[in-house]
Amino acid sequence: MTVLSYADSALSLLPPVVAILLAIVTRKVLLSLGVGILMGTLLLNQWSVTDSAWYLGSRITALVWDDGAPNAWNLYILGFLMLLGMITALITVSGSARAFADWARQHIRNRRDAKLLTMFLGCVVFIDDYFNSLVVGSIARPLTDRYYISRAKLAYLLDSTAAPVCVISPISSWGAYIIALIGGILTSHGMSDGGHLNAFMQMIPMNFYAIFALLLLLCVAFMELDIGAMRRHELSARKGHLYDDAKGLPPGANGDLPEAESGQVRGLFLPITSLVIATFYFMVDSGAKALAQEQLPFSLIGAFEKTDVGSSLFFGALVGLGVTLLLAFTQKIAPEMILKALTAGARSMLPAIYILMFAWTIAGIIGALETGKFMASLATGNIPFALLPAVLFILAGLTAFSTGTSWGTFGIMLPIAADMAMGSHQGMMLPMLASVLAGAVFGDHCSPISDTTILSSTGASCHHIDHVLTQLPYAVLVALISLGGYVVLGFTESVWLGLLASTLLFLCGLLWLKWQQARYRAA
């Protein structure tokens, strides 16, 4: 069986583009991803049905069993989802979610405060984007429901504090991964004198998309700047319809589980706190063991660089589930109700698991098609040096959008950006690397096949395509703001002038959003 490469062909874009367009038009995510998977498989196998069937079978098998061993990463993530669903359902049955909502009503004064608290929690829980979206979603959902904030708005709050915070935080799975990548790149080019962590810290103010995505989120939450599909969802939520799905409950909802009257706020915070602390411990512990095996000295950044995120999330969730069960028993919840909650919680995560497995499959096929390499090849040619940061931002965004992975885009585009900087202007190395990071997060935000997007909609119990369509206008606005900053940065070679230009564009964007808001109200 011969598998073709399409690294030099625009045909490599066909499967992801078809899957994305179908998902937006039909709102049937699994069907759309399935069509993209079949199209990519046929392309790889020269349209041979027999070879395609064997190849697709091997891809599906590899999701759980790869190279003669269990696929630990995938299994741990799927297990984490199931456990988190169980924890959430148990918290609901114990009445703790309702107790938290009642408590919040006394301390949180209005919708604005509820959104700001959600954003604050998203910024505080920064160790991993998966963890951020799912755990903060579990905490914030009772609160945002109480104030009739749409699930689409909650998903936007989760998604826009997950990747943007993680990508500029050195003590996170993202930060450690990026530090390791840029460390290798800088060393290979003889530029490691200042230290890899120092280089990462210097790149934080250069990541215009992450900075202004967070600032725009703050303004949207504070000023109620709802436009387009988001406005429709928010108006519907004020009438009691928190999500817009013809079938009723969105993916991830637990249904009508009975709630105990004896619920207490600690029944929500103790499980979630134990989950956070345990996950952090397991991340540091697994990283420390990896460092010890390589006979390297321990450091927190080094531990996060070597950590096993999947197993840490899974074992942290086990600890969280144990604490939740213990509280349920002390509260004297009936065993049959506990069993019902565990079953309902695990079942509630099945739609998200199906979507995630399909997304992993199409990501593997897109990788085999070498779509990312084709997108990266577009960066080569006679492009004026001053435009390179802006061009790299656009290409990284398109690559992440097409492939559904920001991490994969980092791996592909960062070395190319470094080579281009060395061939033109070595002093612009870090700004060009930062533009790739920013573009990859932008593309990841917009892509319906991104795992972070999928898990943000899961954490909010929001229909996946509703989240994509409501977040898109805000993501595109921030991308345009960032693009203007990178153009100025390229021509002036000044990060601060680029940041100033983006700030001015950001203020113009806010004025436009307020004008749109006033127009809606006048209508």
Protein backbone atom coordinates (compact mmCIF):
# COMPACT_ATOMS: atom_id res chain seq x y z
CA MET A 1 0.00 0.00 0.00
CA THR A 2 1.59 3.27 -1.20
CA VAL A 3 0.61 6.47 0.59
CA LEU A 4 1.14 9.64 -1.44
CA SER A 5 2.48 12.93 -0.12
CA TYR A 6 0.82 16.22 -1.06
CA ALA A 7 3.32 18.59 0.53
CA ASP A 8 3.66 20.46 -2.78
CA SER A 9 0.00 20.36 -3.78
CA ALA A 10 -3.00 22.51 -2.90
CA LEU A 11 -4.99 19.25 -2.88
CA SER A 12 -3.71 18.76 0.68
CA LEU A 13 -6.08 21.56 1.70
CA LEU A 14 -9.15 19.81 0.32
CA PRO A 15 -10.09 17.50 3.26
CA PRO A 16 -9.84 20.12 6.04
CA VAL A 17 -11.53 22.84 3.98
CA VAL A 18 -14.41 20.52 3.01
CA ALA A 19 -14.81 19.34 6.63
CA ILE A 20 -14.82 22.90 7.98
CA LEU A 21 -17.27 24.26 5.39
CA LEU A 22 -19.61 21.29 5.80
CA ALA A 23 -19.57 21.66 9.58
CA ILE A 24 -20.52 25.33 9.35
CA VAL A 25 -23.23 24.78 6.72
CA THR A 26 -24.81 21.57 8.08
CA ARG A 27 -24.01 21.98 11.81
CA LYS A 28 -23.38 18.21 11.80
CA VAL A 29 -19.83 17.98 13.09
CA LEU A 30 -19.36 14.21 12.97
CA LEU A 31 -20.75 13.95 9.45
CA SER A 32 -18.52 16.79 8.26
CA LEU A 33 -15.39 15.38 9.88
CA GLY A 34 -16.26 11.94 8.49
CA VAL A 35 -16.47 13.30 4.92
CA GLY A 36 -13.13 15.05 5.38
CA ILE A 37 -11.56 11.85 6.73
CA LEU A 38 -12.84 9.77 3.81
CA MET A 39 -11.69 12.35 1.25
CA GLY A 40 -8.22 12.56 2.79
CA THR A 41 -7.92 8.77 2.99
CA LEU A 42 -8.85 8.35 -0.68
CA LEU A 43 -6.37 11.06 -1.71
CA LEU A 44 -3.57 9.37 0.22
CA ASN A 45 -4.32 5.99 -1.35
CA GLN A 46 -4.79 7.07 -4.99
CA TRP A 47 -8.57 6.59 -4.73
CA SER A 48 -8.21 2.85 -4.08
CA VAL A 49 -11.19 1.77 -1.98
CA THR A 50 -9.46 -1.36 -0.67
CA ASP A 51 -6.24 0.40 0.32
CA SER A 52 -8.23 3.28 1.81
CA ALA A 53 -10.26 0.89 3.96
CA TRP A 54 -7.10 -0.75 5.32
CA TYR A 55 -5.42 2.61 5.90
CA LEU A 56 -8.47 4.09 7.65
CA GLY A 57 -8.76 0.97 9.81
CA SER A 58 -5.15 1.34 10.90
CA ARG A 59 -5.70 5.04 11.69
CA ILE A 60 -8.76 4.28 13.83
CA THR A 61 -6.97 1.44 15.63
CA ALA A 62 -4.01 3.75 16.32
CA LEU A 63 -6.29 6.01 18.35
CA VAL A 64 -6.23 3.44 21.15
CA TRP A 65 -3.42 1.03 20.18
CA ASP A 66 -0.33 2.31 18.40
CA ASP A 67 2.99 0.57 17.62
CA GLY A 68 2.07 -2.52 19.61
CA ALA A 69 1.17 -0.62 22.80
CA PRO A 70 -1.79 1.37 24.14
CA ASN A 71 -1.95 4.96 22.89
CA ALA A 72 -1.44 6.39 26.36
CA TRP A 73 -1.99 10.08 25.48
CA ASN A 74 -5.37 9.52 23.80
CA LEU A 75 -6.59 7.05 26.41
CA TYR A 76 -5.63 9.32 29.29
CA ILE A 77 -7.40 12.32 27.71
CA LEU A 78 -10.55 10.28 27.02
CA GLY A 79 -10.42 8.93 30.57
CA PHE A 80 -10.02 12.46 31.91
CA LEU A 81 -13.15 13.54 30.01
CA MET A 82 -15.17 10.63 31.41
CA LEU A 83 -13.98 11.28 34.97
CA LEU A 84 -14.72 14.99 34.71
CA GLY A 85 -18.22 14.20 33.46
CA MET A 86 -18.73 11.96 36.50
CA ILE A 87 -17.44 14.64 38.88
CA THR A 88 -19.73 17.26 37.34
CA ALA A 89 -22.78 15.00 37.54
CA LEU A 90 -22.04 14.07 41.17
CA ILE A 91 -21.67 17.74 42.08
CA THR A 92 -25.07 18.36 40.45
CA VAL A 93 -26.77 15.47 42.28
CA SER A 94 -25.30 16.56 45.61
CA GLY A 95 -26.93 19.98 45.18
CA SER A 96 -23.54 21.70 45.41
CA ALA A 97 -23.83 23.36 41.99
CA ARG A 98 -27.17 24.89 42.98
CA ALA A 99 -25.73 25.90 46.38
CA PHE A 100 -22.84 27.63 44.60
CA ALA A 101 -25.27 29.43 42.31
CA ASP A 102 -27.29 30.57 45.35
CA TRP A 103 -24.11 31.73 47.09
CA ALA A 104 -22.97 33.54 43.97
CA ARG A 105 -26.30 35.32 43.70
CA GLN A 106 -25.65 36.88 47.10
CA HIS A 107 -22.05 37.85 46.32
CA ILE A 108 -22.02 38.34 42.53
CA ARG A 109 -24.15 41.37 41.81
CA ASN A 110 -24.95 41.05 38.12
CA ARG A 111 -24.20 39.40 34.75
CA ARG A 112 -21.06 41.48 34.32
CA ASP A 113 -19.56 40.24 37.57
CA ALA A 114 -20.39 36.64 36.64
CA LYS A 115 -18.52 36.98 33.35
CA LEU A 116 -15.58 38.76 34.95
CA LEU A 117 -15.29 36.04 37.60
CA THR A 118 -15.31 33.38 34.87
CA MET A 119 -12.57 35.23 33.02
CA PHE A 120 -10.56 35.59 36.24
CA LEU A 121 -10.81 31.84 36.89
CA GLY A 122 -9.71 31.17 33.30
CA CYS A 123 -6.62 33.33 33.79
CA VAL A 124 -5.76 31.71 37.13
CA VAL A 125 -6.08 28.09 35.94
CA PHE A 126 -3.33 28.35 33.33
CA ILE A 127 -1.41 25.07 33.55
CA ASP A 128 -3.04 23.54 30.47
CA ASP A 129 -5.67 24.58 27.92
CA TYR A 130 -7.67 21.32 28.13
CA PHE A 131 -7.68 21.59 31.91
CA ASN A 132 -8.64 25.27 31.75
CA SER A 133 -11.63 24.82 29.44
CA LEU A 134 -13.15 21.82 31.18
CA VAL A 135 -12.52 22.65 34.84
CA VAL A 136 -13.38 26.36 34.66
CA GLY A 137 -16.46 25.40 32.65
CA SER A 138 -17.60 23.09 35.44
CA ILE A 139 -17.16 25.83 38.05
CA ALA A 140 -18.64 28.72 36.06
CA ARG A 141 -21.61 27.01 34.38
CA PRO A 142 -23.96 27.15 37.43
CA LEU A 143 -23.04 30.81 37.91
CA THR A 144 -23.52 31.90 34.29
CA ASP A 145 -26.75 29.90 34.07
CA ARG A 146 -28.06 31.72 37.13
CA TYR A 147 -27.56 35.07 35.37
CA TYR A 148 -28.91 33.85 32.02
CA ILE A 149 -25.61 34.12 30.19
CA SER A 150 -25.67 32.00 27.06
CA ARG A 151 -23.58 28.86 26.81
CA ALA A 152 -22.07 30.35 23.63
CA LYS A 153 -20.80 33.34 25.66
CA LEU A 154 -19.44 30.98 28.32
CA ALA A 155 -17.61 28.98 25.63
CA TYR A 156 -16.08 32.22 24.32
CA LEU A 157 -14.97 33.15 27.84
CA LEU A 158 -13.36 29.72 28.27
CA ASP A 159 -11.68 29.53 24.86
CA SER A 160 -10.30 33.06 24.97
CA THR A 161 -8.66 32.53 28.35
CA ALA A 162 -7.33 29.03 27.61
CA ALA A 163 -4.84 29.25 24.73
CA PRO A 164 -4.04 33.01 25.03
CA VAL A 165 -3.10 32.64 28.71
CA CYS A 166 -1.25 29.34 28.24
CA VAL A 167 0.80 30.61 25.28
CA ILE A 168 2.27 33.50 27.33
CA SER A 169 2.69 31.56 30.58
CA PRO A 170 6.08 29.87 31.03
CA ILE A 171 4.73 27.61 33.80
CA SER A 172 2.23 25.73 31.64
CA SER A 173 2.27 22.78 29.27
CA TRP A 174 2.23 25.26 26.35
CA GLY A 175 5.00 27.43 27.76
CA ALA A 176 7.26 24.47 28.42
CA TYR A 177 6.66 23.08 24.92
CA ILE A 178 7.38 26.45 23.29
CA ILE A 179 10.50 27.04 25.40
CA ALA A 180 11.80 23.62 24.36
CA LEU A 181 11.10 24.37 20.68
CA ILE A 182 12.62 27.84 20.58
CA GLY A 183 15.51 26.64 22.73
CA GLY A 184 16.44 24.07 20.11
CA ILE A 185 16.00 26.60 17.30
CA LEU A 186 18.10 29.31 18.96
CA THR A 187 20.83 26.81 19.89
CA SER A 188 21.03 25.54 16.31
CA HIS A 189 21.55 29.13 15.15
CA GLY A 190 24.11 29.93 17.86
CA MET A 191 21.82 32.33 19.74
CA SER A 192 21.37 30.62 23.13
CA ASP A 193 23.55 32.97 25.20
CA GLY A 194 20.65 34.83 26.84
CA GLY A 195 18.85 31.69 27.98
CA HIS A 196 15.75 30.02 26.57
CA LEU A 197 13.42 31.21 29.33
CA ASN A 198 14.65 34.77 28.87
CA ALA A 199 13.90 34.54 25.14
CA PHE A 200 10.38 33.32 25.89
CA MET A 201 9.79 36.19 28.34
CA GLN A 202 10.99 38.70 25.75
CA MET A 203 8.46 37.28 23.27
CA ILE A 204 5.43 37.83 25.55
CA PRO A 205 4.85 41.52 24.58
CA MET A 206 5.38 40.51 20.94
CA ASN A 207 2.44 38.08 21.01
CA PHE A 208 -0.11 40.66 19.95
CA TYR A 209 -2.96 38.21 19.39
CA ALA A 210 -2.82 36.71 22.90
CA ILE A 211 -2.62 40.15 24.55
CA PHE A 212 -5.47 41.75 22.62
CA ALA A 213 -7.67 38.64 22.67
CA LEU A 214 -7.62 38.89 26.48
CA LEU A 215 -8.18 42.66 26.43
CA LEU A 216 -11.09 42.35 24.00
CA LEU A 217 -12.62 39.58 26.11
CA LEU A 218 -12.42 41.87 29.16
CA CYS A 219 -14.14 44.68 27.25
CA VAL A 220 -16.83 42.37 25.83
CA ALA A 221 -17.55 41.01 29.31
CA PHE A 222 -17.54 44.46 30.92
CA MET A 223 -19.46 46.43 28.26
CA GLU A 224 -21.82 43.72 26.88
CA LEU A 225 -20.40 44.14 23.36
CA ASP A 226 -22.44 41.40 21.69
CA ILE A 227 -22.63 41.35 17.90
CA GLY A 228 -23.79 38.94 15.20
CA ALA A 229 -24.64 35.41 16.29
CA MET A 230 -23.44 36.13 19.83
CA ARG A 231 -26.09 38.82 20.24
CA ARG A 232 -28.79 36.40 19.12
CA HIS A 233 -27.64 33.81 21.65
CA GLU A 234 -27.46 36.36 24.46
CA LEU A 235 -30.95 37.69 23.73
CA SER A 236 -32.24 34.13 23.67
CA ALA A 237 -30.49 33.36 26.97
CA ARG A 238 -32.19 36.31 28.67
CA LYS A 239 -35.47 34.59 27.84
CA GLY A 240 -34.28 31.37 29.49
CA HIS A 241 -32.86 29.57 26.43
CA LEU A 242 -29.22 29.16 27.43
CA TYR A 243 -28.28 27.20 24.32
CA ASP A 244 -29.68 26.98 20.82
CA ASP A 245 -29.98 23.37 19.71
CA ALA A 246 -32.94 21.81 17.93
CA LYS A 247 -32.39 18.55 19.77
CA GLY A 248 -32.62 20.17 23.21
CA LEU A 249 -29.57 19.59 25.38
CA PRO A 250 -26.16 20.41 23.91
CA PRO A 251 -23.21 18.01 23.95
CA GLY A 252 -21.98 17.50 27.47
CA ALA A 253 -25.25 18.26 29.27
CA ASN A 254 -26.19 15.94 32.09
CA GLY A 255 -29.93 16.12 31.66
CA ASP A 256 -32.41 16.45 34.52
CA LEU A 257 -30.55 14.83 37.39
CA PRO A 258 -32.30 15.24 40.77
CA GLU A 259 -30.54 17.60 43.19
CA ALA A 260 -30.27 17.09 46.95
CA GLU A 261 -31.54 19.90 49.18
CA SER A 262 -28.53 19.57 51.52
CA GLY A 263 -25.92 20.76 49.01
CA GLN A 264 -23.12 23.03 50.20
CA VAL A 265 -20.68 25.28 48.34
CA ARG A 266 -17.74 23.21 49.59
CA GLY A 267 -19.16 20.29 47.61
CA LEU A 268 -18.12 22.11 44.44
CA PHE A 269 -14.91 23.77 45.58
CA LEU A 270 -13.28 20.86 47.42
CA PRO A 271 -13.44 18.44 44.44
CA ILE A 272 -12.28 21.10 41.97
CA THR A 273 -9.51 22.35 44.28
CA SER A 274 -8.28 18.80 44.90
CA LEU A 275 -8.38 18.20 41.13
CA VAL A 276 -6.28 21.31 40.45
CA ILE A 277 -3.72 20.59 43.19
CA ALA A 278 -3.43 16.89 42.30
CA THR A 279 -3.02 17.63 38.59
CA PHE A 280 -0.32 20.21 39.29
CA TYR A 281 1.46 17.70 41.55
CA PHE A 282 1.34 14.91 38.96
CA MET A 283 2.57 17.26 36.22
CA VAL A 284 5.57 18.32 38.29
CA ASP A 285 6.18 14.75 39.50
CA SER A 286 6.11 13.18 36.03
CA GLY A 287 8.39 15.94 34.72
CA ALA A 288 10.80 15.52 37.63
CA LYS A 289 11.02 11.77 36.99
CA ALA A 290 11.76 12.39 33.31
CA LEU A 291 14.50 14.87 34.25
CA ALA A 292 15.99 12.37 36.68
CA GLN A 293 16.05 9.66 34.01
CA GLU A 294 17.99 12.00 31.74
CA GLN A 295 20.24 12.96 34.68
CA LEU A 296 19.25 16.62 34.40
CA PRO A 297 18.90 19.00 37.37
CA PHE A 298 15.37 19.72 38.56
CA SER A 299 13.68 23.02 37.71
CA LEU A 300 9.99 23.88 37.55
CA ILE A 301 10.22 24.99 33.92
CA GLY A 302 12.21 21.84 33.08
CA ALA A 303 9.61 19.68 34.81
CA PHE A 304 6.80 21.26 32.79
CA GLU A 305 8.84 20.78 29.64
CA LYS A 306 9.13 17.03 30.32
CA THR A 307 5.75 16.48 31.99
CA ASP A 308 3.22 13.88 30.88
CA VAL A 309 0.10 16.04 30.58
CA GLY A 310 -2.29 13.22 29.69
CA SER A 311 -1.52 10.98 32.68
CA SER A 312 -1.40 14.00 35.02
CA LEU A 313 -4.90 15.10 33.98
CA PHE A 314 -6.21 11.53 34.37
CA PHE A 315 -4.75 10.86 37.81
CA GLY A 316 -5.66 14.36 38.99
CA ALA A 317 -9.26 13.66 37.92
CA LEU A 318 -9.17 10.35 39.81
CA VAL A 319 -8.25 12.24 42.96
CA GLY A 320 -11.02 14.76 42.28
CA LEU A 321 -13.55 11.96 41.76
CA GLY A 322 -12.45 10.30 44.98
CA VAL A 323 -13.01 13.52 46.94
CA THR A 324 -16.40 14.01 45.26
CA LEU A 325 -17.48 10.47 46.15
CA LEU A 326 -16.33 10.90 49.74
CA LEU A 327 -18.38 14.10 50.08
CA ALA A 328 -21.40 12.40 48.50
CA PHE A 329 -21.20 9.53 51.02
CA THR A 330 -20.83 11.92 53.97
CA GLN A 331 -23.84 13.81 52.65
CA LYS A 332 -25.71 10.47 52.67
CA ILE A 333 -26.65 10.55 48.99
CA ALA A 334 -28.34 7.24 48.13
CA PRO A 335 -25.95 4.74 46.43
CA GLU A 336 -28.38 4.27 43.54
CA MET A 337 -28.36 8.05 42.93
CA ILE A 338 -24.56 8.09 43.01
CA LEU A 339 -24.47 5.27 40.46
CA LYS A 340 -27.03 7.07 38.29
CA ALA A 341 -24.95 10.26 38.43
CA LEU A 342 -21.73 8.44 37.51
CA THR A 343 -23.43 6.76 34.56
CA ALA A 344 -25.11 9.96 33.37
CA GLY A 345 -21.87 11.92 33.78
CA ALA A 346 -19.85 9.45 31.72
CA ARG A 347 -22.57 9.31 29.07
CA SER A 348 -22.74 13.11 28.88
CA MET A 349 -19.16 13.20 27.62
CA LEU A 350 -19.72 10.74 24.77
CA PRO A 351 -20.62 13.41 22.14
CA ALA A 352 -17.40 15.30 22.96
CA ILE A 353 -15.39 12.06 22.88
CA TYR A 354 -16.79 11.14 19.46
CA ILE A 355 -15.98 14.59 18.06
CA LEU A 356 -12.51 14.52 19.57
CA MET A 357 -11.73 11.07 18.14
CA PHE A 358 -12.90 12.18 14.70
CA ALA A 359 -10.79 15.34 15.04
CA TRP A 360 -7.73 13.29 16.01
CA THR A 361 -8.29 11.03 13.00
CA ILE A 362 -8.57 13.87 10.51
CA ALA A 363 -5.55 15.55 12.13
CA GLY A 364 -3.49 12.40 11.50
CA ILE A 365 -4.65 12.25 7.90
CA ILE A 366 -3.93 15.96 7.39
CA GLY A 367 -0.47 15.31 8.82
CA ALA A 368 0.06 12.48 6.33
CA LEU A 369 -1.09 14.77 3.51
CA GLU A 370 1.52 17.27 4.80
CA THR A 371 -0.95 20.14 4.62
CA GLY A 372 1.15 22.07 7.12
CA LYS A 373 4.26 21.79 4.97
CA PHE A 374 2.32 23.04 1.95
CA MET A 375 1.09 26.05 3.95
CA ALA A 376 4.62 26.70 5.21
CA SER A 377 6.02 26.53 1.66
CA LEU A 378 3.89 29.56 0.78
CA ALA A 379 6.13 31.65 3.05
CA THR A 380 9.12 31.18 0.77
CA GLY A 381 9.66 33.45 -2.21
CA ASN A 382 10.22 37.09 -2.91
CA ILE A 383 8.42 38.54 0.11
CA PRO A 384 9.70 41.95 1.31
CA PHE A 385 11.45 41.57 4.64
CA ALA A 386 9.32 44.23 6.34
CA LEU A 387 6.19 42.16 5.64
CA LEU A 388 7.58 38.87 6.97
CA PRO A 389 6.13 39.13 10.53
CA ALA A 390 2.68 39.87 9.10
CA VAL A 391 2.97 37.13 6.44
CA LEU A 392 4.11 34.58 9.01
CA PHE A 393 1.18 35.55 11.24
CA ILE A 394 -1.27 34.96 8.38
CA LEU A 395 0.30 31.68 7.27
CA ALA A 396 0.50 30.32 10.82
CA GLY A 397 -3.17 31.23 11.27
CA LEU A 398 -4.19 29.50 8.04
CA THR A 399 -2.09 26.45 8.90
CA ALA A 400 -3.59 26.10 12.38
CA PHE A 401 -7.08 26.69 10.98
CA SER A 402 -6.59 24.02 8.32
CA THR A 403 -4.89 21.44 10.53
CA GLY A 404 -6.74 22.13 13.80
CA THR A 405 -3.54 22.17 15.84
CA SER A 406 -1.57 25.10 17.16
CA TRP A 407 1.18 22.84 18.57
CA GLY A 408 1.67 21.18 15.18
CA THR A 409 1.81 24.63 13.59
CA PHE A 410 4.47 25.68 16.10
CA GLY A 411 6.56 22.66 15.15
CA ILE A 412 6.27 23.35 11.43
CA MET A 413 6.40 27.13 11.23
CA LEU A 414 8.84 28.16 13.99
CA PRO A 415 11.93 26.60 12.31
CA ILE A 416 10.91 28.19 9.00
CA ALA A 417 10.50 31.61 10.67
CA ALA A 418 13.93 31.24 12.27
CA ASP A 419 15.59 30.34 8.96
CA MET A 420 13.94 33.31 7.26
CA ALA A 421 15.14 35.64 10.05
CA MET A 422 18.71 34.31 9.79
CA GLY A 423 18.63 34.84 6.04
CA SER A 424 17.44 38.43 6.27
CA HIS A 425 17.74 40.11 9.67
CA GLN A 426 18.94 38.17 12.71
CA GLY A 427 17.73 40.90 15.08
CA MET A 428 14.13 40.18 14.07
CA MET A 429 14.33 36.51 15.10
CA LEU A 430 12.19 36.77 18.24
CA PRO A 431 9.47 39.02 16.72
CA MET A 432 9.10 36.61 13.79
CA LEU A 433 8.89 33.62 16.13
CA ALA A 434 6.28 35.49 18.21
CA SER A 435 4.20 36.23 15.11
CA VAL A 436 4.04 32.48 14.42
CA LEU A 437 2.87 31.80 17.99
CA ALA A 438 0.20 34.50 17.68
CA GLY A 439 -1.01 33.30 14.28
CA ALA A 440 -1.21 29.68 15.43
CA VAL A 441 -3.40 30.62 18.41
CA PHE A 442 -5.64 32.68 16.12
CA GLY A 443 -6.10 29.80 13.66
CA ASP A 444 -6.70 27.38 16.51
CA HIS A 445 -9.38 29.70 17.91
CA CYS A 446 -11.31 29.78 14.64
CA SER A 447 -10.99 26.15 13.55
CA PRO A 448 -13.98 23.82 14.09
CA ILE A 449 -11.60 20.84 14.02
CA SER A 450 -9.35 22.18 16.81
CA ASP A 451 -9.35 20.08 19.97
CA THR A 452 -9.18 23.21 22.14
CA THR A 453 -12.29 24.60 20.41
CA ILE A 454 -14.05 21.26 20.86
CA LEU A 455 -13.23 21.06 24.57
CA SER A 456 -14.20 24.71 25.20
CA SER A 457 -17.67 24.02 23.79
CA THR A 458 -17.74 20.83 25.88
CA GLY A 459 -16.76 22.70 29.05
CA ALA A 460 -19.56 25.19 28.43
CA SER A 461 -22.08 22.49 27.35
CA CYS A 462 -22.55 24.52 24.17
CA HIS A 463 -23.28 23.27 20.68
CA HIS A 464 -19.89 23.10 18.98
CA ILE A 465 -20.74 25.04 15.81
CA ASP A 466 -22.58 27.69 17.83
CA HIS A 467 -19.33 28.31 19.70
CA VAL A 468 -17.31 28.51 16.47
CA LEU A 469 -19.69 30.97 14.79
CA THR A 470 -20.18 33.23 17.83
CA GLN A 471 -16.44 33.46 18.60
CA LEU A 472 -15.34 34.01 14.99
CA PRO A 473 -16.11 37.79 14.66
CA TYR A 474 -14.15 38.58 17.83
CA ALA A 475 -11.21 36.38 16.81
CA VAL A 476 -11.05 37.95 13.34
CA LEU A 477 -11.20 41.46 14.83
CA VAL A 478 -8.25 40.69 17.12
CA ALA A 479 -6.39 39.14 14.17
CA LEU A 480 -6.79 42.35 12.14
CA ILE A 481 -5.57 44.38 15.13
CA SER A 482 -2.55 42.07 15.49
CA LEU A 483 -1.86 42.12 11.76
CA GLY A 484 -1.63 45.91 11.79
CA GLY A 485 0.81 45.71 14.68
CA TYR A 486 3.02 43.20 12.85
CA VAL A 487 3.09 45.36 9.73
CA VAL A 488 4.29 48.34 11.79
CA LEU A 489 6.74 46.10 13.67
CA GLY A 490 8.18 44.85 10.38
CA PHE A 491 8.70 48.30 8.91
CA THR A 492 10.00 49.99 12.09
CA GLU A 493 11.71 46.97 13.71
CA SER A 494 10.29 48.26 17.00
CA VAL A 495 8.16 46.00 19.16
CA TRP A 496 6.83 48.94 21.14
CA LEU A 497 5.72 50.85 18.03
CA GLY A 498 4.02 47.67 16.82
CA LEU A 499 2.31 47.35 20.20
CA LEU A 500 1.28 51.03 20.05
CA ALA A 501 -0.18 50.54 16.56
CA SER A 502 -2.15 47.51 17.74
CA THR A 503 -3.40 49.49 20.74
CA LEU A 504 -4.70 52.28 18.49
CA LEU A 505 -6.37 49.73 16.23
CA PHE A 506 -7.83 48.05 19.32
CA LEU A 507 -9.41 51.34 20.40
CA CYS A 508 -10.84 51.76 16.89
CA GLY A 509 -12.19 48.20 17.10
CA LEU A 510 -13.89 49.00 20.42
CA LEU A 511 -15.51 52.08 18.89
CA TRP A 512 -16.77 49.95 16.01
CA LEU A 513 -18.20 47.35 18.40
CA LYS A 514 -19.95 50.08 20.42
CA TRP A 515 -21.33 51.57 17.20
CA GLN A 516 -22.62 48.12 16.20
CA GLN A 517 -24.18 47.75 19.65
CA ALA A 518 -25.90 51.14 19.36
CA ARG A 519 -27.19 50.25 15.89
CA TYR A 520 -28.68 46.99 17.16
CA ARG A 521 -30.41 48.78 20.03
CA ALA A 522 -31.77 51.48 17.73
CA ALA A 523 -33.22 48.77 15.49
